[in-house]
Amino acid sequence: MDQQAPARTQHWTRSAPWITAGIAAVVLVLDQSSKLWATSTLRAGERTPLIGDALGIKLIYNPGAAFSIGTGATWIFTLVAAGAVVAGGWYAWQVRSRPWAVCLGFLLGGAVTHLLDRLLRAPSFAQGHVVDFIAYFDWFVGNVADIALFAGGVLLLVLSWMGFTLRPEPDRPAEQAE
């Protein structure tokens, strides 16, 4: 007897954009408050091991992207972050799926906080350096926003692979008008 796996049921929810906004706000607060702690407590360039060489604390100001790629093109990363915030905001308004709302919250929160760093931190407006302080081996140094972006990216891949849609069918016919 051939049994098929049960279909994944997704529930339509009007609160999904608010879930996205809430998660993005939490990411923003956690990231910016942890950066405030790092800049007021740590000395730039000094590494303090937490778990041997695997995990440590090391304050750096990163003008580039991940792994300090493109350090001379900070303004391009500012434009990319701004575009990501606009796109994330649009998708957040459209989403009606709780799992996608969580995913977009991580992505939007990480993009907003990186954009704020680019716009408001030294050396100048739209050329700001991102504060990084979580050192992973000798591979790279990141921050809370990077963790949120990574989690959102992984969740995006998983949700796509599992066939979840951004806007599932409404549970009730009256919801179709929204």
C-alpha atoms as a PDB file:
ATOM      1  CA  MET A   1       0.000   0.000   0.000  1.00  0.00           C
ATOM      2  CA  ASP A   2       1.463   3.354  -1.075  1.00  0.00           C
ATOM      3  CA  GLN A   3       0.926   6.044   1.513  1.00  0.00           C
ATOM      4  CA  GLN A   4       1.538   9.650   0.706  1.00  0.00           C
ATOM      5  CA  ALA A   5       2.920  12.043   3.250  1.00  0.00           C
ATOM      6  CA  PRO A   6       0.240  14.322   4.634  1.00  0.00           C
ATOM      7  CA  ALA A   7       0.100  17.705   2.958  1.00  0.00           C
ATOM      8  CA  ARG A   8       1.631  20.543   4.933  1.00  0.00           C
ATOM      9  CA  THR A   9      -1.081  22.837   6.081  1.00  0.00           C
ATOM     10  CA  GLN A  10      -0.313  26.486   6.305  1.00  0.00           C
ATOM     11  CA  HIS A  11      -2.603  28.846   8.053  1.00  0.00           C
ATOM     12  CA  TRP A  12      -3.344  32.310   6.803  1.00  0.00           C
ATOM     13  CA  THR A  13      -2.880  34.986   9.457  1.00  0.00           C
ATOM     14  CA  ARG A  14      -3.535  38.699   9.476  1.00  0.00           C
ATOM     15  CA  SER A  15      -0.945  39.164  12.254  1.00  0.00           C
ATOM     16  CA  ALA A  16       2.027  37.996  10.162  1.00  0.00           C
ATOM     17  CA  PRO A  17       3.281  41.512   9.295  1.00  0.00           C
ATOM     18  CA  TRP A  18       3.231  42.375  13.006  1.00  0.00           C
ATOM     19  CA  ILE A  19       5.166  39.207  13.815  1.00  0.00           C
ATOM     20  CA  THR A  20       7.777  40.273  11.257  1.00  0.00           C
ATOM     21  CA  ALA A  21       7.947  43.796  12.695  1.00  0.00           C
ATOM     22  CA  GLY A  22       8.241  42.483  16.251  1.00  0.00           C
ATOM     23  CA  ILE A  23      11.085  40.105  15.439  1.00  0.00           C
ATOM     24  CA  ALA A  24      12.862  42.791  13.408  1.00  0.00           C
ATOM     25  CA  ALA A  25      12.557  45.192  16.361  1.00  0.00           C
ATOM     26  CA  VAL A  26      13.990  42.598  18.768  1.00  0.00           C
ATOM     27  CA  VAL A  27      16.929  41.953  16.413  1.00  0.00           C
ATOM     28  CA  LEU A  28      17.516  45.705  16.113  1.00  0.00           C
ATOM     29  CA  VAL A  29      17.492  46.272  19.889  1.00  0.00           C
ATOM     30  CA  LEU A  30      19.686  43.236  20.642  1.00  0.00           C
ATOM     31  CA  ASP A  31      22.183  44.137  17.931  1.00  0.00           C
ATOM     32  CA  GLN A  32      22.479  47.828  18.733  1.00  0.00           C
ATOM     33  CA  SER A  33      22.617  47.307  22.505  1.00  0.00           C
ATOM     34  CA  SER A  34      25.294  44.617  22.131  1.00  0.00           C
ATOM     35  CA  LYS A  35      27.291  46.984  19.889  1.00  0.00           C
ATOM     36  CA  LEU A  36      26.942  49.726  22.494  1.00  0.00           C
ATOM     37  CA  TRP A  37      28.315  47.302  25.090  1.00  0.00           C
ATOM     38  CA  ALA A  38      31.175  46.253  22.774  1.00  0.00           C
ATOM     39  CA  THR A  39      32.227  49.790  21.867  1.00  0.00           C
ATOM     40  CA  SER A  40      32.125  50.977  25.463  1.00  0.00           C
ATOM     41  CA  THR A  41      33.828  47.913  26.999  1.00  0.00           C
ATOM     42  CA  LEU A  42      36.227  46.337  24.500  1.00  0.00           C
ATOM     43  CA  ARG A  43      39.489  47.567  23.031  1.00  0.00           C
ATOM     44  CA  ALA A  44      39.710  47.448  19.254  1.00  0.00           C
ATOM     45  CA  GLY A  45      41.739  44.542  17.919  1.00  0.00           C
ATOM     46  CA  GLU A  46      42.227  42.662  21.207  1.00  0.00           C
ATOM     47  CA  ARG A  47      40.832  39.118  21.188  1.00  0.00           C
ATOM     48  CA  THR A  48      39.466  37.554  24.366  1.00  0.00           C
ATOM     49  CA  PRO A  49      38.823  33.813  24.040  1.00  0.00           C
ATOM     50  CA  LEU A  50      35.503  32.495  25.333  1.00  0.00           C
ATOM     51  CA  ILE A  51      35.617  28.897  24.101  1.00  0.00           C
ATOM     52  CA  GLY A  52      39.254  28.365  23.202  1.00  0.00           C
ATOM     53  CA  ASP A  53      39.944  29.491  19.659  1.00  0.00           C
ATOM     54  CA  ALA A  54      36.423  28.574  18.525  1.00  0.00           C
ATOM     55  CA  LEU A  55      34.639  31.611  19.922  1.00  0.00           C
ATOM     56  CA  GLY A  56      35.900  34.886  21.257  1.00  0.00           C
ATOM     57  CA  ILE A  57      35.296  38.604  21.566  1.00  0.00           C
ATOM     58  CA  LYS A  58      37.240  41.000  19.358  1.00  0.00           C
ATOM     59  CA  LEU A  59      36.104  44.520  18.518  1.00  0.00           C
ATOM     60  CA  ILE A  60      36.606  45.642  14.930  1.00  0.00           C
ATOM     61  CA  TYR A  61      35.037  48.308  12.745  1.00  0.00           C
ATOM     62  CA  ASN A  62      34.259  46.738   9.392  1.00  0.00           C
ATOM     63  CA  PRO A  63      33.932  49.000   6.325  1.00  0.00           C
ATOM     64  CA  GLY A  64      33.234  46.024   4.059  1.00  0.00           C
ATOM     65  CA  ALA A  65      30.921  43.048   3.887  1.00  0.00           C
ATOM     66  CA  ALA A  66      31.343  39.570   5.355  1.00  0.00           C
ATOM     67  CA  PHE A  67      34.997  38.586   5.739  1.00  0.00           C
ATOM     68  CA  SER A  68      35.840  42.305   5.169  1.00  0.00           C
ATOM     69  CA  ILE A  69      35.231  41.923   1.430  1.00  0.00           C
ATOM     70  CA  GLY A  70      34.947  45.219  -0.453  1.00  0.00           C
ATOM     71  CA  THR A  71      36.404  47.490   2.204  1.00  0.00           C
ATOM     72  CA  GLY A  72      36.730  50.318  -0.326  1.00  0.00           C
ATOM     73  CA  ALA A  73      33.090  50.172  -1.422  1.00  0.00           C
ATOM     74  CA  THR A  74      31.222  51.029   1.784  1.00  0.00           C
ATOM     75  CA  TRP A  75      28.709  53.213  -0.067  1.00  0.00           C
ATOM     76  CA  ILE A  76      27.693  50.233  -2.236  1.00  0.00           C
ATOM     77  CA  PHE A  77      26.893  48.221   0.903  1.00  0.00           C
ATOM     78  CA  THR A  78      24.832  51.174   2.146  1.00  0.00           C
ATOM     79  CA  LEU A  79      22.770  51.075  -1.065  1.00  0.00           C
ATOM     80  CA  VAL A  80      22.422  47.286  -0.876  1.00  0.00           C
ATOM     81  CA  ALA A  81      21.275  47.499   2.750  1.00  0.00           C
ATOM     82  CA  ALA A  82      18.768  50.228   1.858  1.00  0.00           C
ATOM     83  CA  GLY A  83      17.416  48.105  -0.995  1.00  0.00           C
ATOM     84  CA  ALA A  84      17.152  45.093   1.318  1.00  0.00           C
ATOM     85  CA  VAL A  85      15.224  47.148   3.876  1.00  0.00           C
ATOM     86  CA  VAL A  86      12.787  48.418   1.225  1.00  0.00           C
ATOM     87  CA  ALA A  87      12.279  44.921  -0.239  1.00  0.00           C
ATOM     88  CA  GLY A  88      12.007  43.365   3.231  1.00  0.00           C
ATOM     89  CA  GLY A  89       9.443  45.968   4.255  1.00  0.00           C
ATOM     90  CA  TRP A  90       7.362  45.311   1.150  1.00  0.00           C
ATOM     91  CA  TYR A  91       7.445  41.536   1.669  1.00  0.00           C
ATOM     92  CA  ALA A  92       6.693  42.000   5.371  1.00  0.00           C
ATOM     93  CA  TRP A  93       3.523  43.868   4.421  1.00  0.00           C
ATOM     94  CA  GLN A  94       2.513  41.063   2.029  1.00  0.00           C
ATOM     95  CA  VAL A  95       3.277  38.049   4.229  1.00  0.00           C
ATOM     96  CA  ARG A  96       0.404  36.042   5.709  1.00  0.00           C
ATOM     97  CA  SER A  97       2.350  32.962   6.831  1.00  0.00           C
ATOM     98  CA  ARG A  98       3.767  32.723  10.368  1.00  0.00           C
ATOM     99  CA  PRO A  99       6.920  30.798   9.363  1.00  0.00           C
ATOM    100  CA  TRP A 100       7.663  33.328   6.616  1.00  0.00           C
ATOM    101  CA  ALA A 101       6.940  36.166   9.048  1.00  0.00           C
ATOM    102  CA  VAL A 102       9.657  34.826  11.358  1.00  0.00           C
ATOM    103  CA  CYS A 103      12.084  34.441   8.450  1.00  0.00           C
ATOM    104  CA  LEU A 104      11.427  37.961   7.185  1.00  0.00           C
ATOM    105  CA  GLY A 105      11.731  39.345  10.718  1.00  0.00           C
ATOM    106  CA  PHE A 106      15.268  37.993  11.024  1.00  0.00           C
ATOM    107  CA  LEU A 107      16.234  39.263   7.564  1.00  0.00           C
ATOM    108  CA  LEU A 108      14.593  42.673   7.958  1.00  0.00           C
ATOM    109  CA  GLY A 109      16.015  43.208  11.454  1.00  0.00           C
ATOM    110  CA  GLY A 110      19.531  42.386  10.289  1.00  0.00           C
ATOM    111  CA  ALA A 111      19.238  44.613   7.230  1.00  0.00           C
ATOM    112  CA  VAL A 112      17.853  47.574   9.200  1.00  0.00           C
ATOM    113  CA  THR A 113      20.577  47.460  11.829  1.00  0.00           C
ATOM    114  CA  HIS A 114      23.325  47.172   9.197  1.00  0.00           C
ATOM    115  CA  LEU A 115      21.793  50.110   7.327  1.00  0.00           C
ATOM    116  CA  LEU A 116      21.781  52.181  10.517  1.00  0.00           C
ATOM    117  CA  ASP A 117      25.461  51.380  11.062  1.00  0.00           C
ATOM    118  CA  ARG A 118      26.269  52.409   7.492  1.00  0.00           C
ATOM    119  CA  LEU A 119      24.285  55.629   7.751  1.00  0.00           C
ATOM    120  CA  LEU A 120      25.107  56.800  11.273  1.00  0.00           C
ATOM    121  CA  ARG A 121      28.501  55.478  12.351  1.00  0.00           C
ATOM    122  CA  ALA A 122      31.961  56.899  11.712  1.00  0.00           C
ATOM    123  CA  PRO A 123      33.692  57.809   9.519  1.00  0.00           C
ATOM    124  CA  SER A 124      30.788  59.606   7.763  1.00  0.00           C
ATOM    125  CA  PHE A 125      27.150  59.449   6.699  1.00  0.00           C
ATOM    126  CA  ALA A 126      26.471  56.497   4.356  1.00  0.00           C
ATOM    127  CA  GLN A 127      30.103  55.383   4.768  1.00  0.00           C
ATOM    128  CA  GLY A 128      29.849  54.064   8.333  1.00  0.00           C
ATOM    129  CA  HIS A 129      31.691  50.999   9.507  1.00  0.00           C
ATOM    130  CA  VAL A 130      29.757  48.106  11.029  1.00  0.00           C
ATOM    131  CA  VAL A 131      30.697  47.177  14.589  1.00  0.00           C
ATOM    132  CA  ASP A 132      31.705  43.499  14.764  1.00  0.00           C
ATOM    133  CA  PHE A 133      32.790  41.766  17.964  1.00  0.00           C
ATOM    134  CA  ILE A 134      31.913  38.034  17.916  1.00  0.00           C
ATOM    135  CA  ALA A 135      35.038  36.212  16.699  1.00  0.00           C
ATOM    136  CA  TYR A 136      34.622  32.737  15.197  1.00  0.00           C
ATOM    137  CA  PHE A 137      37.997  30.965  15.138  1.00  0.00           C
ATOM    138  CA  ASP A 138      40.241  33.056  12.923  1.00  0.00           C
ATOM    139  CA  TRP A 139      37.642  32.973  10.148  1.00  0.00           C
ATOM    140  CA  PHE A 140      35.631  36.116  10.718  1.00  0.00           C
ATOM    141  CA  VAL A 141      34.219  38.537  13.259  1.00  0.00           C
ATOM    142  CA  GLY A 142      30.494  39.269  13.239  1.00  0.00           C
ATOM    143  CA  ASN A 143      27.638  40.623  15.325  1.00  0.00           C
ATOM    144  CA  VAL A 144      24.057  39.839  16.375  1.00  0.00           C
ATOM    145  CA  ALA A 145      22.655  41.152  13.073  1.00  0.00           C
ATOM    146  CA  ASP A 146      24.883  38.705  11.192  1.00  0.00           C
ATOM    147  CA  ILE A 147      23.475  35.846  13.273  1.00  0.00           C
ATOM    148  CA  ALA A 148      19.919  36.995  12.474  1.00  0.00           C
ATOM    149  CA  LEU A 149      20.723  37.299   8.752  1.00  0.00           C
ATOM    150  CA  PHE A 150      22.256  33.822   8.729  1.00  0.00           C
ATOM    151  CA  ALA A 151      19.257  32.344  10.583  1.00  0.00           C
ATOM    152  CA  GLY A 152      16.864  34.125   8.215  1.00  0.00           C
ATOM    153  CA  GLY A 153      18.777  32.860   5.188  1.00  0.00           C
ATOM    154  CA  VAL A 154      18.736  29.272   6.429  1.00  0.00           C
ATOM    155  CA  LEU A 155      15.036  29.556   7.251  1.00  0.00           C
ATOM    156  CA  LEU A 156      14.361  30.992   3.778  1.00  0.00           C
ATOM    157  CA  LEU A 157      16.008  27.964   2.176  1.00  0.00           C
ATOM    158  CA  VAL A 158      14.150  25.516   4.435  1.00  0.00           C
ATOM    159  CA  LEU A 159      10.749  27.150   3.883  1.00  0.00           C
ATOM    160  CA  SER A 160      11.297  27.269   0.135  1.00  0.00           C
ATOM    161  CA  TRP A 161      12.413  23.644   0.054  1.00  0.00           C
ATOM    162  CA  MET A 162       9.398  22.591   2.118  1.00  0.00           C
ATOM    163  CA  GLY A 163       7.019  24.423  -0.218  1.00  0.00           C
ATOM    164  CA  PHE A 164       5.711  27.027   2.219  1.00  0.00           C
ATOM    165  CA  THR A 165       4.249  30.083   0.526  1.00  0.00           C
ATOM    166  CA  LEU A 166       4.359  33.695   1.616  1.00  0.00           C
ATOM    167  CA  ARG A 167       0.583  33.995   1.311  1.00  0.00           C
ATOM    168  CA  PRO A 168      -1.241  30.701   1.959  1.00  0.00           C
ATOM    169  CA  GLU A 169      -4.899  30.363   1.088  1.00  0.00           C
ATOM    170  CA  PRO A 170      -7.152  32.077   3.625  1.00  0.00           C
ATOM    171  CA  ASP A 171      -8.796  29.827   6.193  1.00  0.00           C
ATOM    172  CA  ARG A 172     -12.099  31.710   5.803  1.00  0.00           C
ATOM    173  CA  PRO A 173     -13.554  33.203   2.601  1.00  0.00           C
ATOM    174  CA  ALA A 174     -13.919  36.657   4.194  1.00  0.00           C
ATOM    175  CA  GLU A 175     -10.125  36.847   4.551  1.00  0.00           C
ATOM    176  CA  GLN A 176      -9.627  36.693   0.778  1.00  0.00           C
ATOM    177  CA  ALA A 177     -10.462  40.373   0.464  1.00  0.00           C
ATOM    178  CA  GLU A 178      -7.370  41.309   2.474  1.00  0.00           C
END
